[in-house]
Amino acid sequence: MALNKEEKNVCVQNFGKNASDTGSTQVQVALLTKRIQALTAHLKANHGDAVAKRSLSLLVGKRRSLLDYLARTDRDAYIKLIESLGLRK
C-alpha cells in the first residue's frame, strides 16, 4: 500500500513549507492519511487480511500521536490540517 512518488510530492507541496520539507508534522500526517485511505479501500475488498488490519491500526495510532503533538504545539496549524484533510475531532 505504498504511495507512489507523485502522490508524495503532491502532499509535500500542499502541506510542506517548501518542496523538500518532508519531515514536518503536517506532511507526515498527510502522508499517513493517504496510506490509511489506501489500506481502508484494500480491507473493504479483503475482509480477512489480518496483517493489513494490524498495519491500519498502527498507522492510525501513529497519526493520532502526531496530531496530538501538533495540537499541543501549534493549535492553529492543527485546526487547519484536520479541516483540509477532512478528519474528525
N, C-alpha and C. Protein backbone atom coordinates (compact mmCIF):
# COMPACT_ATOMS: atom_id res chain seq x y z
N MET A 1 0.81 -1.18 0.00
CA MET A 1 0.00 0.00 0.00
C MET A 1 0.86 1.26 0.00
N ALA A 2 2.03 1.16 -0.57
CA ALA A 2 2.92 2.31 -0.59
C ALA A 2 2.42 3.36 -1.58
N LEU A 3 2.70 4.59 -1.28
CA LEU A 3 2.32 5.69 -2.17
C LEU A 3 3.38 5.86 -3.24
N ASN A 4 2.94 6.24 -4.43
CA ASN A 4 3.94 6.49 -5.47
C ASN A 4 4.53 7.89 -5.31
N LYS A 5 5.54 8.16 -6.10
CA LYS A 5 6.30 9.39 -5.94
C LYS A 5 5.46 10.64 -6.20
N GLU A 6 4.56 10.57 -7.17
CA GLU A 6 3.74 11.73 -7.50
C GLU A 6 2.80 12.08 -6.34
N GLU A 7 2.19 11.07 -5.72
CA GLU A 7 1.29 11.32 -4.59
C GLU A 7 2.04 11.94 -3.42
N LYS A 8 3.26 11.46 -3.17
CA LYS A 8 4.05 12.03 -2.09
C LYS A 8 4.42 13.48 -2.38
N ASN A 9 4.80 13.75 -3.63
CA ASN A 9 5.17 15.12 -3.98
C ASN A 9 3.99 16.07 -3.85
N VAL A 10 2.79 15.61 -4.20
CA VAL A 10 1.60 16.46 -4.06
C VAL A 10 1.36 16.78 -2.59
N CYS A 11 1.48 15.79 -1.72
CA CYS A 11 1.30 16.03 -0.28
C CYS A 11 2.36 16.99 0.26
N VAL A 12 3.59 16.83 -0.17
CA VAL A 12 4.66 17.71 0.30
C VAL A 12 4.41 19.14 -0.17
N GLN A 13 3.98 19.31 -1.41
CA GLN A 13 3.70 20.65 -1.92
C GLN A 13 2.52 21.30 -1.23
N ASN A 14 1.47 20.51 -0.93
CA ASN A 14 0.27 21.07 -0.31
C ASN A 14 0.46 21.39 1.16
N PHE A 15 1.21 20.57 1.89
CA PHE A 15 1.28 20.72 3.34
C PHE A 15 2.66 21.11 3.86
N GLY A 16 3.69 21.07 3.03
CA GLY A 16 5.02 21.42 3.48
C GLY A 16 5.32 22.89 3.35
N LYS A 17 6.40 23.29 3.99
CA LYS A 17 6.82 24.70 3.92
C LYS A 17 7.53 25.01 2.60
N ASN A 18 8.24 23.99 2.06
CA ASN A 18 8.88 24.11 0.75
C ASN A 18 8.87 22.74 0.09
N ALA A 19 9.47 22.63 -1.08
CA ALA A 19 9.40 21.39 -1.87
C ALA A 19 10.16 20.23 -1.24
N SER A 20 11.12 20.52 -0.37
CA SER A 20 11.91 19.45 0.24
C SER A 20 11.54 19.21 1.71
N ASP A 21 10.45 19.77 2.16
CA ASP A 21 10.03 19.65 3.56
C ASP A 21 9.19 18.39 3.74
N THR A 22 9.87 17.27 3.98
CA THR A 22 9.15 16.01 4.15
C THR A 22 9.02 15.59 5.60
N GLY A 23 9.68 16.30 6.50
CA GLY A 23 9.71 15.88 7.88
C GLY A 23 8.77 16.62 8.80
N SER A 24 8.11 17.67 8.30
CA SER A 24 7.23 18.42 9.19
C SER A 24 6.02 17.57 9.58
N THR A 25 5.44 17.90 10.69
CA THR A 25 4.32 17.12 11.23
C THR A 25 3.14 17.12 10.26
N GLN A 26 2.86 18.24 9.63
CA GLN A 26 1.73 18.33 8.72
C GLN A 26 1.91 17.39 7.53
N VAL A 27 3.11 17.32 6.97
CA VAL A 27 3.37 16.44 5.83
C VAL A 27 3.27 14.98 6.26
N GLN A 28 3.82 14.67 7.42
CA GLN A 28 3.76 13.29 7.89
C GLN A 28 2.32 12.84 8.10
N VAL A 29 1.48 13.70 8.67
CA VAL A 29 0.08 13.36 8.89
C VAL A 29 -0.64 13.19 7.55
N ALA A 30 -0.34 14.04 6.59
CA ALA A 30 -0.98 13.94 5.28
C ALA A 30 -0.60 12.64 4.58
N LEU A 31 0.67 12.26 4.66
CA LEU A 31 1.11 11.01 4.05
C LEU A 31 0.50 9.80 4.75
N LEU A 32 0.42 9.85 6.07
CA LEU A 32 -0.22 8.75 6.79
C LEU A 32 -1.69 8.65 6.44
N THR A 33 -2.35 9.77 6.25
CA THR A 33 -3.76 9.77 5.89
C THR A 33 -3.97 9.12 4.54
N LYS A 34 -3.10 9.41 3.58
CA LYS A 34 -3.19 8.78 2.26
C LYS A 34 -3.01 7.27 2.37
N ARG A 35 -2.04 6.83 3.18
CA ARG A 35 -1.81 5.39 3.35
C ARG A 35 -2.98 4.73 4.05
N ILE A 36 -3.57 5.42 5.02
CA ILE A 36 -4.73 4.88 5.74
C ILE A 36 -5.90 4.72 4.78
N GLN A 37 -6.12 5.69 3.91
CA GLN A 37 -7.21 5.60 2.95
C GLN A 37 -7.00 4.43 1.99
N ALA A 38 -5.77 4.21 1.56
CA ALA A 38 -5.47 3.10 0.66
C ALA A 38 -5.70 1.76 1.36
N LEU A 39 -5.26 1.65 2.61
CA LEU A 39 -5.45 0.41 3.36
C LEU A 39 -6.93 0.15 3.65
N THR A 40 -7.69 1.19 3.90
CA THR A 40 -9.12 1.05 4.15
C THR A 40 -9.81 0.50 2.91
N ALA A 41 -9.45 1.02 1.75
CA ALA A 41 -10.03 0.52 0.50
C ALA A 41 -9.65 -0.94 0.27
N HIS A 42 -8.41 -1.28 0.60
CA HIS A 42 -7.97 -2.67 0.46
C HIS A 42 -8.76 -3.60 1.39
N LEU A 43 -8.98 -3.15 2.61
CA LEU A 43 -9.69 -4.00 3.57
C LEU A 43 -11.17 -4.15 3.24
N LYS A 44 -11.76 -3.20 2.53
CA LYS A 44 -13.15 -3.36 2.12
C LYS A 44 -13.29 -4.51 1.14
N ALA A 45 -12.26 -4.74 0.31
CA ALA A 45 -12.29 -5.83 -0.65
C ALA A 45 -11.76 -7.14 -0.06
N ASN A 46 -10.90 -7.05 0.94
CA ASN A 46 -10.26 -8.23 1.53
C ASN A 46 -10.47 -8.23 3.04
N HIS A 47 -11.62 -8.71 3.46
CA HIS A 47 -12.00 -8.63 4.87
C HIS A 47 -11.10 -9.45 5.79
N GLY A 48 -10.55 -10.53 5.31
CA GLY A 48 -9.79 -11.42 6.18
C GLY A 48 -8.32 -11.14 6.27
N ASP A 49 -7.85 -10.06 5.73
CA ASP A 49 -6.42 -9.75 5.72
C ASP A 49 -6.01 -9.21 7.09
N ALA A 50 -5.54 -10.09 7.94
CA ALA A 50 -5.21 -9.73 9.32
C ALA A 50 -3.99 -8.82 9.39
N VAL A 51 -3.04 -9.02 8.50
CA VAL A 51 -1.83 -8.20 8.52
C VAL A 51 -2.18 -6.76 8.15
N ALA A 52 -3.06 -6.59 7.18
CA ALA A 52 -3.47 -5.24 6.79
C ALA A 52 -4.26 -4.56 7.91
N LYS A 53 -5.06 -5.33 8.64
CA LYS A 53 -5.80 -4.76 9.77
C LYS A 53 -4.84 -4.26 10.84
N ARG A 54 -3.81 -5.03 11.11
CA ARG A 54 -2.83 -4.63 12.11
C ARG A 54 -2.07 -3.40 11.64
N SER A 55 -1.68 -3.39 10.37
CA SER A 55 -0.97 -2.24 9.82
C SER A 55 -1.83 -0.99 9.88
N LEU A 56 -3.11 -1.15 9.61
CA LEU A 56 -4.01 0.00 9.66
C LEU A 56 -4.10 0.56 11.07
N SER A 57 -4.22 -0.32 12.06
CA SER A 57 -4.32 0.18 13.43
C SER A 57 -3.03 0.85 13.88
N LEU A 58 -1.88 0.36 13.43
CA LEU A 58 -0.61 1.00 13.76
C LEU A 58 -0.50 2.38 13.12
N LEU A 59 -0.92 2.49 11.86
CA LEU A 59 -0.87 3.77 11.18
C LEU A 59 -1.80 4.79 11.82
N VAL A 60 -3.00 4.35 12.20
CA VAL A 60 -3.95 5.25 12.84
C VAL A 60 -3.40 5.74 14.18
N GLY A 61 -2.75 4.86 14.93
CA GLY A 61 -2.15 5.25 16.20
C GLY A 61 -1.02 6.24 16.02
N LYS A 62 -0.20 6.02 15.01
CA LYS A 62 0.91 6.95 14.75
C LYS A 62 0.37 8.32 14.32
N ARG A 63 -0.66 8.31 13.47
CA ARG A 63 -1.25 9.59 13.05
C ARG A 63 -1.88 10.32 14.23
N ARG A 64 -2.53 9.56 15.13
CA ARG A 64 -3.15 10.17 16.30
C ARG A 64 -2.11 10.83 17.19
N SER A 65 -0.97 10.16 17.38
CA SER A 65 0.05 10.75 18.24
C SER A 65 0.66 11.99 17.59
N LEU A 66 0.84 11.98 16.27
CA LEU A 66 1.35 13.17 15.60
C LEU A 66 0.34 14.32 15.68
N LEU A 67 -0.95 14.00 15.55
CA LEU A 67 -1.97 15.04 15.65
C LEU A 67 -2.04 15.61 17.07
N ASP A 68 -1.88 14.75 18.07
CA ASP A 68 -1.85 15.23 19.45
C ASP A 68 -0.67 16.17 19.68
N TYR A 69 0.48 15.81 19.14
CA TYR A 69 1.66 16.67 19.26
C TYR A 69 1.42 18.02 18.59
N LEU A 70 0.84 17.98 17.39
CA LEU A 70 0.58 19.22 16.67
C LEU A 70 -0.44 20.09 17.40
N ALA A 71 -1.44 19.46 18.01
CA ALA A 71 -2.44 20.22 18.77
C ALA A 71 -1.81 20.89 19.99
N ARG A 72 -0.83 20.23 20.61
CA ARG A 72 -0.16 20.82 21.76
C ARG A 72 0.74 21.98 21.37
N THR A 73 1.45 21.84 20.25
CA THR A 73 2.47 22.81 19.90
C THR A 73 1.95 23.97 19.04
N ASP A 74 1.05 23.68 18.09
CA ASP A 74 0.58 24.72 17.17
C ASP A 74 -0.90 24.48 16.87
N ARG A 75 -1.76 25.04 17.71
CA ARG A 75 -3.20 24.77 17.62
C ARG A 75 -3.80 25.24 16.29
N ASP A 76 -3.36 26.37 15.78
CA ASP A 76 -3.91 26.89 14.52
C ASP A 76 -3.57 25.97 13.35
N ALA A 77 -2.34 25.48 13.30
CA ALA A 77 -1.94 24.56 12.24
C ALA A 77 -2.71 23.24 12.34
N TYR A 78 -2.98 22.80 13.57
CA TYR A 78 -3.74 21.58 13.80
C TYR A 78 -5.16 21.71 13.24
N ILE A 79 -5.81 22.81 13.56
CA ILE A 79 -7.18 23.02 13.09
C ILE A 79 -7.23 23.11 11.57
N LYS A 80 -6.27 23.83 11.00
CA LYS A 80 -6.22 23.96 9.55
C LYS A 80 -5.98 22.61 8.88
N LEU A 81 -5.12 21.80 9.48
CA LEU A 81 -4.78 20.49 8.90
C LEU A 81 -5.96 19.53 8.94
N ILE A 82 -6.65 19.44 10.07
CA ILE A 82 -7.76 18.48 10.14
C ILE A 82 -8.92 18.92 9.25
N GLU A 83 -9.08 20.22 9.04
CA GLU A 83 -10.12 20.68 8.12
C GLU A 83 -9.76 20.36 6.68
N SER A 84 -8.50 20.54 6.32
CA SER A 84 -8.10 20.28 4.93
C SER A 84 -8.06 18.79 4.61
N LEU A 85 -7.78 17.96 5.61
CA LEU A 85 -7.77 16.51 5.37
C LEU A 85 -9.14 15.87 5.58
N GLY A 86 -10.05 16.60 6.18
CA GLY A 86 -11.38 16.06 6.41
C GLY A 86 -11.43 15.07 7.56
N LEU A 87 -10.60 15.29 8.58
CA LEU A 87 -10.58 14.41 9.74
C LEU A 87 -11.52 14.93 10.81
N ARG A 88 -11.99 14.02 11.65
CA ARG A 88 -12.87 14.41 12.76
C ARG A 88 -12.04 14.71 13.98
N LYS A 89 -12.56 15.55 14.85
CA LYS A 89 -12.02 15.79 16.19
C LYS A 89 -12.59 17.05 16.72
